């Protein structure tokens, strides 16, 4: 029985980190694609799901009227801007509460009635929709959720003090369960070929 030498131990630690980092990136890309698809499907109905489609529509109409009359009388401009501000602030408050409850990163409180249009809200809602879709995909992705545990298992295998042949075979089996191939030529490790 040949024990693992310190340079082999370091090699395996680096190899494990490299392989799992590659797999993590691959899974993140897969999740990103799936989340993008789910987000695109849900995007149209997301405002309704959040209970703000009526306010968004009203804001869009008020904002359109405001922008059409910007160059007209000061009084008309002020009245329309007040309506946009009223609806926008109401929408900001409602979405701000939803943002806090649903753990969104976007802030809805810096809406400026004079400078921002309905895009201010739709862009942030699209971002929130995508993040919720991504969380949903990650939550149901078995391999993504098991990856950290499998990586920890591989690190434990390397540190057990077993002989190199048993260590390599056990590592190959554990990494294989994560769909990660560990290809090490037997001659390099001085493992007897069966």
N, C-alpha and C. Protein backbone atom coordinates (compact mmCIF):
# COMPACT_ATOMS: atom_id res chain seq x y z
N UNK A 1 0.85 -1.19 0.00
CA UNK A 1 0.00 0.00 0.00
C UNK A 1 0.89 1.24 0.00
N UNK A 2 0.65 2.09 -1.00
CA UNK A 2 1.48 3.29 -1.13
C UNK A 2 0.67 4.49 -0.64
N UNK A 3 1.16 5.23 0.36
CA UNK A 3 0.40 6.39 0.86
C UNK A 3 0.49 7.57 -0.12
N UNK A 4 -0.42 8.50 0.04
CA UNK A 4 -0.41 9.71 -0.80
C UNK A 4 0.68 10.64 -0.28
N UNK A 5 1.52 11.09 -1.20
CA UNK A 5 2.57 12.04 -0.85
C UNK A 5 2.00 13.45 -0.86
N UNK A 6 2.69 14.36 -0.21
CA UNK A 6 2.17 15.73 -0.08
C UNK A 6 2.00 16.40 -1.43
N UNK A 7 2.90 16.15 -2.38
CA UNK A 7 2.74 16.78 -3.70
C UNK A 7 1.53 16.20 -4.43
N UNK A 8 1.26 14.91 -4.22
CA UNK A 8 0.07 14.31 -4.82
C UNK A 8 -1.19 14.87 -4.17
N UNK A 9 -1.14 15.07 -2.86
CA UNK A 9 -2.27 15.64 -2.14
C UNK A 9 -2.59 17.02 -2.68
N UNK A 10 -1.56 17.85 -2.86
CA UNK A 10 -1.77 19.20 -3.41
C UNK A 10 -2.31 19.12 -4.84
N UNK A 11 -1.76 18.18 -5.62
CA UNK A 11 -2.23 18.01 -7.00
C UNK A 11 -3.72 17.69 -7.02
N UNK A 12 -4.13 16.75 -6.17
CA UNK A 12 -5.54 16.37 -6.16
C UNK A 12 -6.43 17.51 -5.67
N UNK A 13 -5.95 18.27 -4.68
CA UNK A 13 -6.75 19.41 -4.21
C UNK A 13 -6.96 20.41 -5.34
N UNK A 14 -5.90 20.71 -6.07
CA UNK A 14 -6.00 21.66 -7.19
C UNK A 14 -6.88 21.09 -8.30
N UNK A 15 -6.71 19.81 -8.58
CA UNK A 15 -7.50 19.16 -9.62
C UNK A 15 -8.99 19.19 -9.27
N UNK A 16 -9.30 18.89 -8.02
CA UNK A 16 -10.69 18.91 -7.56
C UNK A 16 -11.26 20.31 -7.71
N UNK A 17 -10.53 21.32 -7.24
CA UNK A 17 -11.02 22.70 -7.36
C UNK A 17 -11.24 23.08 -8.81
N UNK A 18 -10.32 22.71 -9.68
CA UNK A 18 -10.44 23.04 -11.10
C UNK A 18 -11.65 22.37 -11.73
N UNK A 19 -11.79 21.08 -11.47
CA UNK A 19 -12.90 20.32 -12.06
C UNK A 19 -14.25 20.85 -11.57
N UNK A 20 -14.36 21.10 -10.27
CA UNK A 20 -15.63 21.57 -9.73
C UNK A 20 -15.92 23.01 -10.16
N UNK A 21 -14.90 23.82 -10.31
CA UNK A 21 -15.11 25.19 -10.81
C UNK A 21 -15.64 25.13 -12.24
N UNK A 22 -15.05 24.27 -13.07
CA UNK A 22 -15.53 24.11 -14.44
C UNK A 22 -16.98 23.64 -14.46
N UNK A 23 -17.29 22.67 -13.62
CA UNK A 23 -18.66 22.14 -13.59
C UNK A 23 -19.62 23.20 -13.08
N UNK A 24 -19.20 23.98 -12.07
CA UNK A 24 -20.05 25.05 -11.54
C UNK A 24 -20.36 26.07 -12.64
N UNK A 25 -19.34 26.44 -13.41
CA UNK A 25 -19.56 27.39 -14.51
C UNK A 25 -20.53 26.82 -15.53
N UNK A 26 -20.34 25.55 -15.85
CA UNK A 26 -21.23 24.90 -16.82
C UNK A 26 -22.66 24.89 -16.30
N UNK A 27 -22.84 24.56 -15.02
CA UNK A 27 -24.18 24.53 -14.45
C UNK A 27 -24.78 25.94 -14.36
N UNK A 28 -23.95 26.93 -14.02
CA UNK A 28 -24.44 28.31 -13.96
C UNK A 28 -24.91 28.76 -15.33
N UNK A 29 -24.19 28.38 -16.39
CA UNK A 29 -24.61 28.72 -17.75
C UNK A 29 -25.93 28.04 -18.08
N UNK A 30 -26.04 26.76 -17.73
CA UNK A 30 -27.28 26.02 -17.97
C UNK A 30 -28.45 26.66 -17.23
N UNK A 31 -28.21 27.02 -15.98
CA UNK A 31 -29.26 27.64 -15.17
C UNK A 31 -29.63 29.01 -15.75
N UNK A 32 -28.62 29.76 -16.18
CA UNK A 32 -28.87 31.07 -16.79
C UNK A 32 -29.76 30.94 -18.01
N UNK A 33 -29.47 29.96 -18.86
CA UNK A 33 -30.28 29.76 -20.07
C UNK A 33 -31.71 29.39 -19.71
N UNK A 34 -31.86 28.45 -18.78
CA UNK A 34 -33.20 28.03 -18.37
C UNK A 34 -33.95 29.18 -17.69
N UNK A 35 -33.25 29.94 -16.85
CA UNK A 35 -33.89 31.08 -16.17
C UNK A 35 -34.30 32.14 -17.17
N UNK A 36 -33.47 32.34 -18.21
CA UNK A 36 -33.80 33.31 -19.25
C UNK A 36 -35.08 32.88 -19.98
N UNK A 37 -35.17 31.58 -20.31
CA UNK A 37 -36.36 31.06 -20.98
C UNK A 37 -37.60 31.24 -20.10
N UNK A 38 -37.48 30.83 -18.83
CA UNK A 38 -38.61 30.94 -17.91
C UNK A 38 -38.98 32.40 -17.70
N UNK A 39 -37.98 33.25 -17.57
CA UNK A 39 -38.23 34.68 -17.39
C UNK A 39 -38.96 35.26 -18.60
N UNK A 40 -38.52 34.88 -19.80
CA UNK A 40 -39.18 35.37 -21.02
C UNK A 40 -40.64 34.93 -21.07
N UNK A 41 -40.92 33.71 -20.63
CA UNK A 41 -42.30 33.22 -20.62
C UNK A 41 -43.15 33.97 -19.60
N UNK A 42 -42.55 34.27 -18.44
CA UNK A 42 -43.31 34.89 -17.35
C UNK A 42 -43.37 36.40 -17.45
N UNK A 43 -42.48 37.01 -18.23
CA UNK A 43 -42.31 38.46 -18.25
C UNK A 43 -43.62 39.19 -18.56
N UNK A 44 -44.37 38.66 -19.52
CA UNK A 44 -45.60 39.33 -19.94
C UNK A 44 -46.62 39.39 -18.80
N UNK A 45 -46.71 38.31 -18.06
CA UNK A 45 -47.72 38.24 -16.99
C UNK A 45 -47.16 38.61 -15.62
N UNK A 46 -45.89 38.94 -15.54
CA UNK A 46 -45.26 39.17 -14.24
C UNK A 46 -45.85 40.39 -13.53
N UNK A 47 -46.11 41.46 -14.28
CA UNK A 47 -46.70 42.65 -13.66
C UNK A 47 -48.06 42.31 -13.05
N UNK A 48 -48.85 41.50 -13.78
CA UNK A 48 -50.15 41.07 -13.25
C UNK A 48 -49.98 40.21 -12.01
N UNK A 49 -48.98 39.31 -12.07
CA UNK A 49 -48.71 38.45 -10.93
C UNK A 49 -48.33 39.28 -9.69
N UNK A 50 -47.66 40.38 -9.92
CA UNK A 50 -47.27 41.26 -8.81
C UNK A 50 -48.41 42.19 -8.42
N UNK A 51 -49.49 42.18 -9.18
CA UNK A 51 -50.63 43.02 -8.87
C UNK A 51 -50.43 44.48 -9.22
N UNK A 52 -49.58 44.77 -10.21
CA UNK A 52 -49.31 46.16 -10.55
C UNK A 52 -49.56 46.49 -12.02
N UNK A 53 -50.18 45.57 -12.77
CA UNK A 53 -50.38 45.82 -14.20
C UNK A 53 -51.30 47.02 -14.42
N UNK A 54 -52.32 47.15 -13.57
CA UNK A 54 -53.24 48.29 -13.68
C UNK A 54 -52.49 49.60 -13.46
N UNK A 55 -51.65 49.62 -12.43
CA UNK A 55 -50.88 50.83 -12.15
C UNK A 55 -49.87 51.12 -13.26
N UNK A 56 -49.24 50.07 -13.78
CA UNK A 56 -48.28 50.28 -14.88
C UNK A 56 -48.98 50.85 -16.11
N UNK A 57 -50.14 50.31 -16.42
CA UNK A 57 -50.91 50.81 -17.57
C UNK A 57 -51.32 52.26 -17.33
N UNK A 58 -51.81 52.55 -16.14
CA UNK A 58 -52.20 53.92 -15.82
C UNK A 58 -51.00 54.85 -15.87
N UNK A 59 -49.87 54.39 -15.35
CA UNK A 59 -48.65 55.20 -15.39
C UNK A 59 -48.20 55.43 -16.82
N UNK A 60 -48.27 54.40 -17.63
CA UNK A 60 -47.87 54.54 -19.04
C UNK A 60 -48.74 55.58 -19.75
N UNK A 61 -50.04 55.51 -19.51
CA UNK A 61 -50.95 56.48 -20.13
C UNK A 61 -50.69 57.89 -19.61
N UNK A 62 -50.55 58.01 -18.30
CA UNK A 62 -50.30 59.33 -17.71
C UNK A 62 -48.96 59.88 -18.19
N UNK A 63 -47.96 59.03 -18.24
CA UNK A 63 -46.64 59.46 -18.70
C UNK A 63 -46.68 59.89 -20.16
N UNK A 64 -47.42 59.14 -20.99
CA UNK A 64 -47.55 59.50 -22.41
C UNK A 64 -48.21 60.87 -22.55
N UNK A 65 -49.28 61.07 -21.81
CA UNK A 65 -49.96 62.37 -21.86
C UNK A 65 -49.03 63.48 -21.40
N UNK A 66 -48.29 63.21 -20.34
CA UNK A 66 -47.36 64.21 -19.83
C UNK A 66 -46.34 64.60 -20.89
N UNK A 67 -45.74 63.62 -21.53
CA UNK A 67 -44.70 63.90 -22.51
C UNK A 67 -45.25 64.58 -23.76
N UNK A 68 -46.52 64.31 -24.09
CA UNK A 68 -47.15 64.98 -25.23
C UNK A 68 -47.38 66.47 -24.97
N UNK A 69 -47.58 66.82 -23.73
CA UNK A 69 -47.92 68.20 -23.39
C UNK A 69 -46.79 68.99 -22.71
N UNK A 70 -45.56 68.44 -22.70
CA UNK A 70 -44.45 69.10 -22.03
C UNK A 70 -44.25 70.52 -22.56
N UNK A 71 -44.44 70.70 -23.85
CA UNK A 71 -44.17 72.01 -24.46
C UNK A 71 -45.39 72.95 -24.43
N UNK A 72 -46.45 72.50 -23.83
CA UNK A 72 -47.65 73.36 -23.77
C UNK A 72 -47.67 74.18 -22.49
N UNK A 73 -48.80 74.65 -22.15
CA UNK A 73 -48.94 75.54 -20.99
C UNK A 73 -48.39 74.94 -19.71
N UNK A 74 -47.86 75.81 -18.88
CA UNK A 74 -47.28 75.38 -17.60
C UNK A 74 -48.31 74.68 -16.72
N UNK A 75 -49.53 75.15 -16.77
CA UNK A 75 -50.56 74.57 -15.92
C UNK A 75 -50.86 73.13 -16.33
N UNK A 76 -51.01 72.89 -17.63
CA UNK A 76 -51.29 71.53 -18.10
C UNK A 76 -50.12 70.60 -17.75
N UNK A 77 -48.92 71.14 -17.93
CA UNK A 77 -47.73 70.35 -17.60
C UNK A 77 -47.72 69.99 -16.12
N UNK A 78 -48.00 70.94 -15.28
CA UNK A 78 -47.98 70.70 -13.85
C UNK A 78 -49.04 69.67 -13.44
N UNK A 79 -50.26 69.78 -13.99
CA UNK A 79 -51.33 68.84 -13.65
C UNK A 79 -50.97 67.41 -14.09
N UNK A 80 -50.48 67.30 -15.29
CA UNK A 80 -50.13 65.96 -15.78
C UNK A 80 -48.95 65.36 -15.01
N UNK A 81 -47.98 66.20 -14.73
CA UNK A 81 -46.82 65.73 -13.97
C UNK A 81 -47.24 65.29 -12.57
N UNK A 82 -48.17 66.03 -11.99
CA UNK A 82 -48.67 65.64 -10.67
C UNK A 82 -49.35 64.27 -10.72
N UNK A 83 -50.07 64.01 -11.80
CA UNK A 83 -50.75 62.71 -11.93
C UNK A 83 -49.72 61.59 -12.09
N UNK A 84 -48.70 61.84 -12.91
CA UNK A 84 -47.62 60.85 -13.08
C UNK A 84 -46.95 60.61 -11.74
N UNK A 85 -46.64 61.69 -11.03
CA UNK A 85 -45.97 61.56 -9.74
C UNK A 85 -46.82 60.77 -8.76
N UNK A 86 -48.11 61.06 -8.73
CA UNK A 86 -49.02 60.37 -7.83
C UNK A 86 -49.05 58.87 -8.12
N UNK A 87 -49.23 58.52 -9.40
CA UNK A 87 -49.28 57.11 -9.77
C UNK A 87 -47.91 56.46 -9.58
N UNK A 88 -46.86 57.16 -10.01
CA UNK A 88 -45.50 56.61 -9.88
C UNK A 88 -45.11 56.39 -8.44
N UNK A 89 -45.45 57.34 -7.57
CA UNK A 89 -45.13 57.18 -6.15
C UNK A 89 -45.92 56.03 -5.53
N UNK A 90 -47.17 55.92 -5.93
CA UNK A 90 -47.99 54.80 -5.44
C UNK A 90 -47.38 53.47 -5.89
N UNK A 91 -47.00 53.43 -7.16
CA UNK A 91 -46.38 52.23 -7.70
C UNK A 91 -45.03 51.96 -7.03
N UNK A 92 -44.27 53.00 -6.78
CA UNK A 92 -42.97 52.86 -6.09
C UNK A 92 -43.15 52.24 -4.72
N UNK A 93 -44.13 52.72 -3.99
CA UNK A 93 -44.38 52.19 -2.65
C UNK A 93 -44.79 50.71 -2.71
N UNK A 94 -45.70 50.40 -3.62
CA UNK A 94 -46.19 49.03 -3.73
C UNK A 94 -45.06 48.09 -4.14
N UNK A 95 -44.29 48.48 -5.17
CA UNK A 95 -43.19 47.63 -5.62
C UNK A 95 -42.04 47.62 -4.60
N UNK A 96 -41.87 48.69 -3.87
CA UNK A 96 -40.84 48.72 -2.82
C UNK A 96 -41.13 47.67 -1.76
N UNK A 97 -42.40 47.57 -1.37
CA UNK A 97 -42.79 46.56 -0.38
C UNK A 97 -42.59 45.15 -0.96
N UNK A 98 -43.01 44.97 -2.22
CA UNK A 98 -42.83 43.66 -2.86
C UNK A 98 -41.34 43.32 -2.96
N UNK A 99 -40.54 44.32 -3.29
CA UNK A 99 -39.10 44.11 -3.42
C UNK A 99 -38.50 43.62 -2.11
N UNK A 100 -38.92 44.20 -1.03
CA UNK A 100 -38.41 43.80 0.29
C UNK A 100 -38.89 42.39 0.64
N UNK A 101 -40.16 42.10 0.41
CA UNK A 101 -40.73 40.80 0.75
C UNK A 101 -40.20 39.68 -0.14
N UNK A 102 -39.95 39.98 -1.41
CA UNK A 102 -39.53 38.95 -2.35
C UNK A 102 -38.02 38.95 -2.58
N UNK A 103 -37.30 39.76 -1.80
CA UNK A 103 -35.85 39.79 -1.84
C UNK A 103 -35.29 40.15 -3.21
N UNK A 104 -35.83 41.23 -3.78
CA UNK A 104 -35.31 41.75 -5.04
C UNK A 104 -34.21 42.75 -4.70
N UNK A 105 -33.27 42.91 -5.60
CA UNK A 105 -32.17 43.86 -5.37
C UNK A 105 -32.49 45.25 -5.90
N UNK A 106 -33.50 45.38 -6.72
CA UNK A 106 -33.81 46.66 -7.33
C UNK A 106 -34.56 47.58 -6.38
N UNK A 107 -34.24 48.87 -6.48
CA UNK A 107 -34.95 49.88 -5.70
C UNK A 107 -35.98 50.55 -6.60
N UNK A 108 -37.16 50.74 -6.08
CA UNK A 108 -38.23 51.38 -6.84
C UNK A 108 -38.52 52.78 -6.30
N UNK A 109 -37.71 53.23 -5.35
CA UNK A 109 -38.02 54.48 -4.67
C UNK A 109 -37.37 55.71 -5.28
N UNK A 110 -36.52 55.54 -6.27
CA UNK A 110 -35.88 56.72 -6.85
C UNK A 110 -36.52 57.13 -8.18
N UNK A 111 -37.81 56.87 -8.31
CA UNK A 111 -38.57 57.26 -9.50
C UNK A 111 -38.67 58.78 -9.57
N UNK A 112 -38.33 59.32 -10.72
CA UNK A 112 -38.42 60.77 -10.94
C UNK A 112 -39.49 61.02 -12.00
N UNK A 113 -40.64 61.58 -11.62
CA UNK A 113 -41.74 61.76 -12.56
C UNK A 113 -41.35 62.57 -13.81
N UNK A 114 -40.45 63.51 -13.65
CA UNK A 114 -40.09 64.36 -14.77
C UNK A 114 -39.10 63.69 -15.72
N UNK A 115 -38.25 62.82 -15.19
CA UNK A 115 -37.20 62.22 -16.01
C UNK A 115 -37.47 60.77 -16.39
N UNK A 116 -38.15 60.02 -15.54
CA UNK A 116 -38.36 58.59 -15.79
C UNK A 116 -39.75 58.35 -16.36
N UNK A 117 -39.81 57.33 -17.22
CA UNK A 117 -41.09 56.89 -17.75
C UNK A 117 -41.45 55.54 -17.18
N UNK A 118 -42.38 54.90 -17.83
CA UNK A 118 -42.84 53.59 -17.36
C UNK A 118 -41.69 52.58 -17.44
N UNK A 119 -40.69 52.84 -18.31
CA UNK A 119 -39.53 51.94 -18.43
C UNK A 119 -38.78 51.80 -17.10
N UNK A 120 -38.84 52.84 -16.30
CA UNK A 120 -38.21 52.79 -14.98
C UNK A 120 -38.69 51.56 -14.22
N UNK A 121 -39.99 51.31 -14.28
CA UNK A 121 -40.57 50.18 -13.55
C UNK A 121 -40.46 48.87 -14.32
N UNK A 122 -40.73 48.91 -15.64
CA UNK A 122 -40.72 47.66 -16.40
C UNK A 122 -39.33 47.03 -16.43
N UNK A 123 -38.30 47.86 -16.54
CA UNK A 123 -36.93 47.32 -16.54
C UNK A 123 -36.62 46.64 -15.22
N UNK A 124 -36.99 47.26 -14.14
CA UNK A 124 -36.72 46.66 -12.83
C UNK A 124 -37.59 45.42 -12.59
N UNK A 125 -38.82 45.45 -13.08
CA UNK A 125 -39.68 44.26 -12.97
C UNK A 125 -39.12 43.11 -13.80
N UNK A 126 -38.59 43.41 -14.99
CA UNK A 126 -37.98 42.36 -15.82
C UNK A 126 -36.80 41.74 -15.09
N UNK A 127 -35.98 42.57 -14.44
CA UNK A 127 -34.83 42.06 -13.68
C UNK A 127 -35.29 41.17 -12.53
N UNK A 128 -36.31 41.62 -11.82
CA UNK A 128 -36.83 40.85 -10.69
C UNK A 128 -37.43 39.53 -11.17
N UNK A 129 -38.11 39.58 -12.31
CA UNK A 129 -38.71 38.37 -12.89
C UNK A 129 -37.62 37.36 -13.22
N UNK A 130 -36.54 37.83 -13.82
CA UNK A 130 -35.43 36.94 -14.16
C UNK A 130 -34.82 36.32 -12.90
N UNK A 131 -34.58 37.13 -11.88
CA UNK A 131 -33.96 36.61 -10.66
C UNK A 131 -34.86 35.58 -9.98
N UNK A 132 -36.17 35.82 -10.00
CA UNK A 132 -37.08 34.82 -9.42
C UNK A 132 -37.07 33.54 -10.23
N UNK A 133 -37.02 33.68 -11.55
CA UNK A 133 -36.96 32.50 -12.41
C UNK A 133 -35.66 31.73 -12.17
N UNK A 134 -34.56 32.45 -12.02
CA UNK A 134 -33.26 31.81 -11.78
C UNK A 134 -33.29 31.06 -10.44
N UNK A 135 -33.84 31.70 -9.39
CA UNK A 135 -33.94 31.03 -8.08
C UNK A 135 -34.78 29.76 -8.19
N UNK A 136 -35.87 29.85 -8.97
CA UNK A 136 -36.75 28.70 -9.14
C UNK A 136 -36.01 27.55 -9.83
N UNK A 137 -35.26 27.87 -10.88
CA UNK A 137 -34.52 26.85 -11.62
C UNK A 137 -33.44 26.24 -10.72
N UNK A 138 -32.71 27.08 -9.99
CA UNK A 138 -31.65 26.58 -9.11
C UNK A 138 -32.24 25.67 -8.02
N UNK A 139 -33.38 26.06 -7.48
CA UNK A 139 -34.00 25.31 -6.38
C UNK A 139 -34.33 23.88 -6.82
N UNK A 140 -34.76 23.72 -8.08
CA UNK A 140 -35.16 22.40 -8.55
C UNK A 140 -34.06 21.65 -9.27
N UNK A 141 -32.88 22.21 -9.38
CA UNK A 141 -31.78 21.58 -10.10
C UNK A 141 -31.00 20.68 -9.15
N UNK A 142 -31.21 19.36 -9.28
CA UNK A 142 -30.63 18.41 -8.33
C UNK A 142 -29.10 18.47 -8.29
N UNK A 143 -28.46 18.41 -9.44
CA UNK A 143 -27.00 18.37 -9.45
C UNK A 143 -26.42 19.68 -8.94
N UNK A 144 -27.01 20.80 -9.31
CA UNK A 144 -26.52 22.10 -8.83
C UNK A 144 -26.55 22.13 -7.30
N UNK A 145 -27.63 21.64 -6.73
CA UNK A 145 -27.78 21.68 -5.27
C UNK A 145 -26.90 20.64 -4.57
N UNK A 146 -26.51 19.59 -5.26
CA UNK A 146 -25.68 18.55 -4.64
C UNK A 146 -24.19 18.78 -4.89
N UNK A 147 -23.85 19.73 -5.75
CA UNK A 147 -22.46 19.92 -6.17
C UNK A 147 -21.53 20.23 -5.01
N UNK A 148 -21.91 21.10 -4.10
CA UNK A 148 -21.03 21.47 -2.98
C UNK A 148 -20.77 20.26 -2.10
N UNK A 149 -21.80 19.47 -1.83
CA UNK A 149 -21.62 18.29 -0.99
C UNK A 149 -20.69 17.28 -1.66
N UNK A 150 -20.82 17.12 -2.96
CA UNK A 150 -19.96 16.18 -3.68
C UNK A 150 -18.51 16.68 -3.68
N UNK A 151 -18.31 17.97 -3.81
CA UNK A 151 -16.96 18.53 -3.75
C UNK A 151 -16.37 18.31 -2.35
N UNK A 152 -17.17 18.54 -1.30
CA UNK A 152 -16.70 18.30 0.07
C UNK A 152 -16.34 16.82 0.26
N UNK A 153 -17.16 15.93 -0.30
CA UNK A 153 -16.88 14.50 -0.21
C UNK A 153 -15.53 14.17 -0.87
N UNK A 154 -15.26 14.79 -2.02
CA UNK A 154 -13.99 14.54 -2.71
C UNK A 154 -12.82 15.04 -1.88
N UNK A 155 -12.97 16.17 -1.24
CA UNK A 155 -11.89 16.67 -0.39
C UNK A 155 -11.65 15.72 0.79
N UNK A 156 -12.73 15.18 1.36
CA UNK A 156 -12.59 14.22 2.45
C UNK A 156 -11.89 12.95 1.97
N UNK A 157 -12.23 12.50 0.78
CA UNK A 157 -11.62 11.29 0.22
C UNK A 157 -10.11 11.47 0.13
N UNK A 158 -9.68 12.64 -0.36
CA UNK A 158 -8.26 12.91 -0.52
C UNK A 158 -7.55 12.95 0.83
N UNK A 159 -8.23 13.41 1.86
CA UNK A 159 -7.60 13.56 3.17
C UNK A 159 -7.78 12.35 4.10
N UNK A 160 -8.30 11.25 3.60
CA UNK A 160 -8.53 10.09 4.47
C UNK A 160 -7.26 9.33 4.84
N UNK A 161 -6.23 9.51 4.04
CA UNK A 161 -5.01 8.79 4.30
C UNK A 161 -4.99 7.42 3.66
N UNK A 162 -5.96 7.13 2.81
CA UNK A 162 -5.99 5.85 2.11
C UNK A 162 -4.86 5.79 1.10
N UNK A 163 -4.61 4.58 0.61
CA UNK A 163 -3.57 4.45 -0.42
C UNK A 163 -4.06 5.14 -1.70
N UNK A 164 -3.11 5.42 -2.57
CA UNK A 164 -3.41 6.24 -3.75
C UNK A 164 -4.39 5.54 -4.68
N UNK A 165 -4.29 4.22 -4.83
CA UNK A 165 -5.18 3.51 -5.74
C UNK A 165 -6.62 3.62 -5.25
N UNK A 166 -6.84 3.35 -3.98
CA UNK A 166 -8.20 3.46 -3.41
C UNK A 166 -8.70 4.89 -3.49
N UNK A 167 -7.81 5.84 -3.21
CA UNK A 167 -8.20 7.26 -3.25
C UNK A 167 -8.64 7.65 -4.65
N UNK A 168 -7.85 7.27 -5.65
CA UNK A 168 -8.18 7.64 -7.03
C UNK A 168 -9.48 6.98 -7.47
N UNK A 169 -9.64 5.70 -7.16
CA UNK A 169 -10.86 5.00 -7.55
C UNK A 169 -12.09 5.62 -6.88
N UNK A 170 -11.96 5.94 -5.60
CA UNK A 170 -13.08 6.54 -4.87
C UNK A 170 -13.38 7.94 -5.40
N UNK A 171 -12.33 8.69 -5.70
CA UNK A 171 -12.50 10.03 -6.29
C UNK A 171 -13.21 9.94 -7.64
N UNK A 172 -12.76 9.00 -8.47
CA UNK A 172 -13.38 8.85 -9.79
C UNK A 172 -14.86 8.52 -9.66
N UNK A 173 -15.18 7.67 -8.70
CA UNK A 173 -16.58 7.30 -8.50
C UNK A 173 -17.41 8.50 -8.02
N UNK A 174 -16.89 9.23 -7.01
CA UNK A 174 -17.64 10.37 -6.45
C UNK A 174 -17.78 11.49 -7.48
N UNK A 175 -16.69 11.79 -8.19
CA UNK A 175 -16.76 12.86 -9.20
C UNK A 175 -17.65 12.42 -10.36
N UNK A 176 -17.63 11.14 -10.68
CA UNK A 176 -18.51 10.62 -11.73
C UNK A 176 -19.98 10.81 -11.39
N UNK A 177 -20.31 10.73 -10.10
CA UNK A 177 -21.71 10.94 -9.69
C UNK A 177 -22.14 12.38 -9.91
N UNK A 178 -21.15 13.30 -10.09
CA UNK A 178 -21.46 14.71 -10.40
C UNK A 178 -21.26 14.97 -11.88
N UNK A 179 -21.11 13.90 -12.65
CA UNK A 179 -20.91 14.01 -14.09
C UNK A 179 -19.62 14.77 -14.41
N UNK A 180 -18.60 14.54 -13.56
CA UNK A 180 -17.28 15.12 -13.78
C UNK A 180 -16.32 13.96 -13.97
N UNK A 181 -15.61 13.98 -15.07
CA UNK A 181 -14.70 12.88 -15.38
C UNK A 181 -13.33 13.17 -14.79
N UNK A 182 -12.79 12.22 -14.06
CA UNK A 182 -11.44 12.32 -13.52
C UNK A 182 -10.60 11.30 -14.27
N UNK A 183 -9.80 11.80 -15.19
CA UNK A 183 -9.00 10.93 -16.03
C UNK A 183 -7.54 11.03 -15.62
N UNK A 184 -7.07 10.00 -14.96
CA UNK A 184 -5.68 9.97 -14.51
C UNK A 184 -5.07 8.67 -15.03
N UNK A 185 -4.02 8.76 -15.85
CA UNK A 185 -3.37 7.54 -16.34
C UNK A 185 -2.78 6.74 -15.18
N UNK A 186 -3.02 5.44 -15.21
CA UNK A 186 -2.54 4.56 -14.13
C UNK A 186 -1.02 4.62 -13.98
N UNK A 187 -0.29 4.72 -15.08
CA UNK A 187 1.18 4.72 -15.01
C UNK A 187 1.71 5.92 -14.22
N UNK A 188 1.04 7.08 -14.34
CA UNK A 188 1.50 8.25 -13.63
C UNK A 188 1.40 8.08 -12.12
N UNK A 189 0.46 7.31 -11.69
CA UNK A 189 0.25 7.12 -10.26
C UNK A 189 0.87 5.82 -9.75
N UNK A 190 1.51 5.10 -10.64
CA UNK A 190 2.14 3.82 -10.31
C UNK A 190 1.12 2.85 -9.73
N UNK A 191 -0.03 2.82 -10.37
CA UNK A 191 -1.08 1.89 -9.97
C UNK A 191 -0.96 0.67 -10.87
N UNK A 192 -0.99 -0.47 -10.28
CA UNK A 192 -0.90 -1.70 -11.08
C UNK A 192 -2.12 -1.84 -11.95
N UNK A 193 -1.91 -2.07 -13.24
CA UNK A 193 -3.01 -2.23 -14.18
C UNK A 193 -3.56 -3.65 -14.03
N UNK A 194 -4.87 -3.73 -13.89
CA UNK A 194 -5.50 -5.04 -13.70
C UNK A 194 -5.87 -5.64 -15.04
